């Protein structure tokens, strides 16, 4: 015999005739995701940033001077240049995607990596050293393994390793809700 789902609260149904549709939307939500973009080509990053600034200035000038054909042409050229610079940056970049784990899985992962005595003394609730590669692999939407994650954490710079781990951890704490003014 299967357990019957409880009926929604009568007050909620009475107050909101669309409760079933809301419940369906709530059940269909996907877990949060974040991306980490990696590009080792500083020249491409600078070119894209410069193109962005030039495009914004050209667009602003064109908006202030709607009848000026030269300003309109400059805005179009700047937009084309930005698109080209962004395409080059995108081509040279690696994008890693991470998704929040279901709450119980994340809690189990935390429990499986208790802090060392020293870490506990510093206020840690878990051991980031042992948990980092496991979390990175578990949260990755790409085929990133624990071994890959451990290798990257060991071989990349401190800051880059922390950014990788932070992306996988940050998505666990992502909040897409607003309490509103009700």
C-alpha atoms as a PDB file:
ATOM      1  CA  UNK A   1       0.000   0.000   0.000  1.00  0.00           C
ATOM      2  CA  UNK A   2       1.406   3.387  -0.971  1.00  0.00           C
ATOM      3  CA  UNK A   3       1.159   6.397   1.278  1.00  0.00           C
ATOM      4  CA  UNK A   4      -1.408   8.923   0.233  1.00  0.00           C
ATOM      5  CA  UNK A   5      -0.228  12.479  -0.267  1.00  0.00           C
ATOM      6  CA  UNK A   6      -1.831  14.822   2.220  1.00  0.00           C
ATOM      7  CA  UNK A   7      -4.386  17.233   0.827  1.00  0.00           C
ATOM      8  CA  UNK A   8      -3.296  20.847   0.613  1.00  0.00           C
ATOM      9  CA  UNK A   9      -4.428  22.968   3.543  1.00  0.00           C
ATOM     10  CA  UNK A  10      -8.080  23.933   3.074  1.00  0.00           C
ATOM     11  CA  UNK A  11      -7.297  27.552   3.952  1.00  0.00           C
ATOM     12  CA  UNK A  12      -4.670  27.732   1.209  1.00  0.00           C
ATOM     13  CA  UNK A  13      -7.039  26.279  -1.369  1.00  0.00           C
ATOM     14  CA  UNK A  14      -9.819  28.632  -0.300  1.00  0.00           C
ATOM     15  CA  UNK A  15      -7.518  31.650  -0.388  1.00  0.00           C
ATOM     16  CA  UNK A  16      -5.915  30.737  -3.697  1.00  0.00           C
ATOM     17  CA  UNK A  17      -7.902  28.934  -6.363  1.00  0.00           C
ATOM     18  CA  UNK A  18      -4.685  28.353  -8.287  1.00  0.00           C
ATOM     19  CA  UNK A  19      -2.928  26.414  -5.516  1.00  0.00           C
ATOM     20  CA  UNK A  20      -2.489  23.234  -7.568  1.00  0.00           C
ATOM     21  CA  UNK A  21      -0.792  25.194 -10.355  1.00  0.00           C
ATOM     22  CA  UNK A  22       1.527  26.808  -7.787  1.00  0.00           C
ATOM     23  CA  UNK A  23       2.362  23.414  -6.298  1.00  0.00           C
ATOM     24  CA  UNK A  24       3.147  22.059  -9.747  1.00  0.00           C
ATOM     25  CA  UNK A  25       5.480  25.003 -10.401  1.00  0.00           C
ATOM     26  CA  UNK A  26       7.164  24.538  -7.028  1.00  0.00           C
ATOM     27  CA  UNK A  27       7.732  20.841  -7.709  1.00  0.00           C
ATOM     28  CA  UNK A  28       9.072  21.556 -11.205  1.00  0.00           C
ATOM     29  CA  UNK A  29      11.738  24.030 -10.067  1.00  0.00           C
ATOM     30  CA  UNK A  30      15.288  23.159 -10.982  1.00  0.00           C
ATOM     31  CA  UNK A  31      18.129  23.511  -8.517  1.00  0.00           C
ATOM     32  CA  UNK A  32      20.325  26.623  -8.864  1.00  0.00           C
ATOM     33  CA  UNK A  33      23.301  26.565 -11.207  1.00  0.00           C
ATOM     34  CA  UNK A  34      26.418  28.721 -11.534  1.00  0.00           C
ATOM     35  CA  UNK A  35      29.168  28.878 -14.100  1.00  0.00           C
ATOM     36  CA  UNK A  36      32.889  29.390 -13.727  1.00  0.00           C
ATOM     37  CA  UNK A  37      34.557  30.822 -16.819  1.00  0.00           C
ATOM     38  CA  UNK A  38      38.284  30.263 -17.200  1.00  0.00           C
ATOM     39  CA  UNK A  39      40.378  32.090 -19.788  1.00  0.00           C
ATOM     40  CA  UNK A  40      44.160  32.214 -19.676  1.00  0.00           C
ATOM     41  CA  UNK A  41      44.478  34.831 -22.447  1.00  0.00           C
ATOM     42  CA  UNK A  42      44.694  38.225 -20.740  1.00  0.00           C
ATOM     43  CA  UNK A  43      44.891  40.023 -24.076  1.00  0.00           C
ATOM     44  CA  UNK A  44      41.509  38.631 -25.136  1.00  0.00           C
ATOM     45  CA  UNK A  45      39.989  39.559 -21.764  1.00  0.00           C
ATOM     46  CA  UNK A  46      41.326  43.115 -22.045  1.00  0.00           C
ATOM     47  CA  UNK A  47      40.168  43.414 -25.662  1.00  0.00           C
ATOM     48  CA  UNK A  48      36.642  42.320 -24.729  1.00  0.00           C
ATOM     49  CA  UNK A  49      36.528  44.702 -21.753  1.00  0.00           C
ATOM     50  CA  UNK A  50      37.762  47.599 -23.909  1.00  0.00           C
ATOM     51  CA  UNK A  51      35.274  46.754 -26.658  1.00  0.00           C
ATOM     52  CA  UNK A  52      32.499  46.735 -24.037  1.00  0.00           C
ATOM     53  CA  UNK A  53      33.439  50.221 -22.824  1.00  0.00           C
ATOM     54  CA  UNK A  54      33.713  51.583 -26.365  1.00  0.00           C
ATOM     55  CA  UNK A  55      30.361  50.069 -27.306  1.00  0.00           C
ATOM     56  CA  UNK A  56      28.680  51.612 -24.255  1.00  0.00           C
ATOM     57  CA  UNK A  57      30.117  55.060 -25.072  1.00  0.00           C
ATOM     58  CA  UNK A  58      29.176  54.795 -28.743  1.00  0.00           C
ATOM     59  CA  UNK A  59      25.654  53.634 -27.850  1.00  0.00           C
ATOM     60  CA  UNK A  60      25.243  56.508 -25.407  1.00  0.00           C
ATOM     61  CA  UNK A  61      26.375  59.008 -28.052  1.00  0.00           C
ATOM     62  CA  UNK A  62      24.022  57.477 -30.630  1.00  0.00           C
ATOM     63  CA  UNK A  63      21.091  57.670 -28.200  1.00  0.00           C
ATOM     64  CA  UNK A  64      21.824  61.332 -27.465  1.00  0.00           C
ATOM     65  CA  UNK A  65      22.052  62.080 -31.191  1.00  0.00           C
ATOM     66  CA  UNK A  66      19.394  59.964 -32.924  1.00  0.00           C
ATOM     67  CA  UNK A  67      19.626  61.945 -36.186  1.00  0.00           C
ATOM     68  CA  UNK A  68      23.420  61.788 -36.426  1.00  0.00           C
ATOM     69  CA  UNK A  69      24.236  59.134 -39.022  1.00  0.00           C
ATOM     70  CA  UNK A  70      27.913  59.138 -38.064  1.00  0.00           C
ATOM     71  CA  UNK A  71      27.057  58.439 -34.402  1.00  0.00           C
ATOM     72  CA  UNK A  72      24.650  55.675 -35.452  1.00  0.00           C
ATOM     73  CA  UNK A  73      27.298  54.105 -37.703  1.00  0.00           C
ATOM     74  CA  UNK A  74      29.879  54.344 -34.924  1.00  0.00           C
ATOM     75  CA  UNK A  75      27.480  52.610 -32.518  1.00  0.00           C
ATOM     76  CA  UNK A  76      26.872  49.822 -35.052  1.00  0.00           C
ATOM     77  CA  UNK A  77      30.625  49.414 -35.655  1.00  0.00           C
ATOM     78  CA  UNK A  78      31.288  49.347 -31.903  1.00  0.00           C
ATOM     79  CA  UNK A  79      28.577  46.719 -31.400  1.00  0.00           C
ATOM     80  CA  UNK A  80      30.068  44.600 -34.190  1.00  0.00           C
ATOM     81  CA  UNK A  81      33.549  44.974 -32.691  1.00  0.00           C
ATOM     82  CA  UNK A  82      32.216  43.945 -29.257  1.00  0.00           C
ATOM     83  CA  UNK A  83      30.517  40.896 -30.737  1.00  0.00           C
ATOM     84  CA  UNK A  84      33.760  39.896 -32.436  1.00  0.00           C
ATOM     85  CA  UNK A  85      35.850  40.442 -29.293  1.00  0.00           C
ATOM     86  CA  UNK A  86      33.332  38.513 -27.178  1.00  0.00           C
ATOM     87  CA  UNK A  87      33.269  35.641 -29.683  1.00  0.00           C
ATOM     88  CA  UNK A  88      37.069  35.410 -29.552  1.00  0.00           C
ATOM     89  CA  UNK A  89      36.989  35.434 -25.747  1.00  0.00           C
ATOM     90  CA  UNK A  90      34.250  32.800 -25.669  1.00  0.00           C
ATOM     91  CA  UNK A  91      36.226  30.596 -28.050  1.00  0.00           C
ATOM     92  CA  UNK A  92      39.303  30.758 -25.808  1.00  0.00           C
ATOM     93  CA  UNK A  93      37.370  30.229 -22.573  1.00  0.00           C
ATOM     94  CA  UNK A  94      36.453  27.093 -20.681  1.00  0.00           C
ATOM     95  CA  UNK A  95      33.099  27.196 -18.922  1.00  0.00           C
ATOM     96  CA  UNK A  96      32.461  24.841 -16.028  1.00  0.00           C
ATOM     97  CA  UNK A  97      28.886  24.467 -14.768  1.00  0.00           C
ATOM     98  CA  UNK A  98      27.825  23.554 -11.245  1.00  0.00           C
ATOM     99  CA  UNK A  99      24.389  22.762  -9.820  1.00  0.00           C
ATOM    100  CA  UNK A 100      23.203  22.674  -6.237  1.00  0.00           C
ATOM    101  CA  UNK A 101      22.857  19.192  -4.813  1.00  0.00           C
ATOM    102  CA  UNK A 102      19.590  18.103  -3.230  1.00  0.00           C
ATOM    103  CA  UNK A 103      19.635  19.280   0.390  1.00  0.00           C
ATOM    104  CA  UNK A 104      19.948  15.800   1.926  1.00  0.00           C
ATOM    105  CA  UNK A 105      22.856  14.883  -0.370  1.00  0.00           C
ATOM    106  CA  UNK A 106      24.698  18.059   0.598  1.00  0.00           C
ATOM    107  CA  UNK A 107      24.081  17.431   4.294  1.00  0.00           C
ATOM    108  CA  UNK A 108      25.395  13.865   3.905  1.00  0.00           C
ATOM    109  CA  UNK A 109      28.479  15.159   2.115  1.00  0.00           C
ATOM    110  CA  UNK A 110      29.147  17.638   4.933  1.00  0.00           C
ATOM    111  CA  UNK A 111      28.729  14.873   7.527  1.00  0.00           C
ATOM    112  CA  UNK A 112      31.088  12.574   5.600  1.00  0.00           C
ATOM    113  CA  UNK A 113      33.879  15.164   5.905  1.00  0.00           C
ATOM    114  CA  UNK A 114      34.072  16.175   9.566  1.00  0.00           C
ATOM    115  CA  UNK A 115      36.572  18.868  10.495  1.00  0.00           C
ATOM    116  CA  UNK A 116      39.902  18.028  12.027  1.00  0.00           C
ATOM    117  CA  UNK A 117      40.361  19.031  15.648  1.00  0.00           C
ATOM    118  CA  UNK A 118      42.271  22.123  14.508  1.00  0.00           C
ATOM    119  CA  UNK A 119      39.593  23.038  11.961  1.00  0.00           C
ATOM    120  CA  UNK A 120      36.820  22.551  14.529  1.00  0.00           C
ATOM    121  CA  UNK A 121      38.723  24.872  16.859  1.00  0.00           C
ATOM    122  CA  UNK A 122      38.637  27.477  14.102  1.00  0.00           C
ATOM    123  CA  UNK A 123      34.881  27.112  13.705  1.00  0.00           C
ATOM    124  CA  UNK A 124      34.740  24.816  10.682  1.00  0.00           C
ATOM    125  CA  UNK A 125      31.717  22.522  10.399  1.00  0.00           C
ATOM    126  CA  UNK A 126      33.431  20.270   7.834  1.00  0.00           C
ATOM    127  CA  UNK A 127      36.865  19.538   6.384  1.00  0.00           C
ATOM    128  CA  UNK A 128      37.237  21.602   3.205  1.00  0.00           C
ATOM    129  CA  UNK A 129      40.461  19.798   2.304  1.00  0.00           C
ATOM    130  CA  UNK A 130      38.786  16.411   1.959  1.00  0.00           C
ATOM    131  CA  UNK A 131      35.391  17.691   0.858  1.00  0.00           C
ATOM    132  CA  UNK A 132      36.518  20.052  -1.922  1.00  0.00           C
ATOM    133  CA  UNK A 133      37.252  17.525  -4.704  1.00  0.00           C
ATOM    134  CA  UNK A 134      34.199  15.439  -3.795  1.00  0.00           C
ATOM    135  CA  UNK A 135      31.884  18.463  -3.837  1.00  0.00           C
ATOM    136  CA  UNK A 136      33.370  19.814  -7.063  1.00  0.00           C
ATOM    137  CA  UNK A 137      32.777  16.498  -8.820  1.00  0.00           C
ATOM    138  CA  UNK A 138      29.319  15.979  -7.306  1.00  0.00           C
ATOM    139  CA  UNK A 139      28.094  19.477  -8.198  1.00  0.00           C
ATOM    140  CA  UNK A 140      29.641  19.554 -11.665  1.00  0.00           C
ATOM    141  CA  UNK A 141      27.282  19.334 -14.622  1.00  0.00           C
ATOM    142  CA  UNK A 142      30.323  18.479 -16.731  1.00  0.00           C
ATOM    143  CA  UNK A 143      32.062  15.098 -16.525  1.00  0.00           C
ATOM    144  CA  UNK A 144      34.505  16.411 -13.924  1.00  0.00           C
ATOM    145  CA  UNK A 145      35.765  13.622 -11.670  1.00  0.00           C
ATOM    146  CA  UNK A 146      37.055  13.739  -8.104  1.00  0.00           C
ATOM    147  CA  UNK A 147      40.485  12.906  -9.506  1.00  0.00           C
ATOM    148  CA  UNK A 148      40.280  15.846 -11.933  1.00  0.00           C
ATOM    149  CA  UNK A 149      39.199  18.165  -9.140  1.00  0.00           C
ATOM    150  CA  UNK A 150      41.967  16.980  -6.808  1.00  0.00           C
ATOM    151  CA  UNK A 151      44.549  17.445  -9.568  1.00  0.00           C
ATOM    152  CA  UNK A 152      43.333  20.978 -10.340  1.00  0.00           C
ATOM    153  CA  UNK A 153      43.245  21.931  -6.664  1.00  0.00           C
ATOM    154  CA  UNK A 154      46.796  20.611  -6.216  1.00  0.00           C
ATOM    155  CA  UNK A 155      48.280  22.148  -9.359  1.00  0.00           C
ATOM    156  CA  UNK A 156      46.490  25.436  -9.905  1.00  0.00           C
ATOM    157  CA  UNK A 157      47.345  28.565  -7.967  1.00  0.00           C
ATOM    158  CA  UNK A 158      45.796  29.032  -4.542  1.00  0.00           C
ATOM    159  CA  UNK A 159      43.388  31.681  -5.838  1.00  0.00           C
ATOM    160  CA  UNK A 160      42.285  29.621  -8.844  1.00  0.00           C
ATOM    161  CA  UNK A 161      41.776  26.497  -6.740  1.00  0.00           C
ATOM    162  CA  UNK A 162      39.690  28.494  -4.294  1.00  0.00           C
ATOM    163  CA  UNK A 163      37.582  29.908  -7.154  1.00  0.00           C
ATOM    164  CA  UNK A 164      36.920  26.372  -8.419  1.00  0.00           C
ATOM    165  CA  UNK A 165      35.905  25.147  -4.973  1.00  0.00           C
ATOM    166  CA  UNK A 166      33.961  28.335  -4.287  1.00  0.00           C
ATOM    167  CA  UNK A 167      31.851  27.848  -7.428  1.00  0.00           C
ATOM    168  CA  UNK A 168      30.840  24.359  -6.302  1.00  0.00           C
ATOM    169  CA  UNK A 169      30.179  25.547  -2.738  1.00  0.00           C
ATOM    170  CA  UNK A 170      28.513  28.853  -3.642  1.00  0.00           C
ATOM    171  CA  UNK A 171      25.809  27.151  -5.700  1.00  0.00           C
ATOM    172  CA  UNK A 172      24.861  25.104  -2.628  1.00  0.00           C
ATOM    173  CA  UNK A 173      24.031  28.371  -0.902  1.00  0.00           C
ATOM    174  CA  UNK A 174      22.334  30.091  -3.853  1.00  0.00           C
ATOM    175  CA  UNK A 175      19.044  31.702  -2.949  1.00  0.00           C
ATOM    176  CA  UNK A 176      16.571  32.583  -5.691  1.00  0.00           C
ATOM    177  CA  UNK A 177      13.773  33.621  -3.372  1.00  0.00           C
ATOM    178  CA  UNK A 178      12.445  36.982  -2.274  1.00  0.00           C
ATOM    179  CA  UNK A 179      10.324  37.369   0.822  1.00  0.00           C
ATOM    180  CA  UNK A 180       8.566  40.338  -0.719  1.00  0.00           C
ATOM    181  CA  UNK A 181       6.277  42.725   1.083  1.00  0.00           C
ATOM    182  CA  UNK A 182       3.275  40.358   1.133  1.00  0.00           C
END
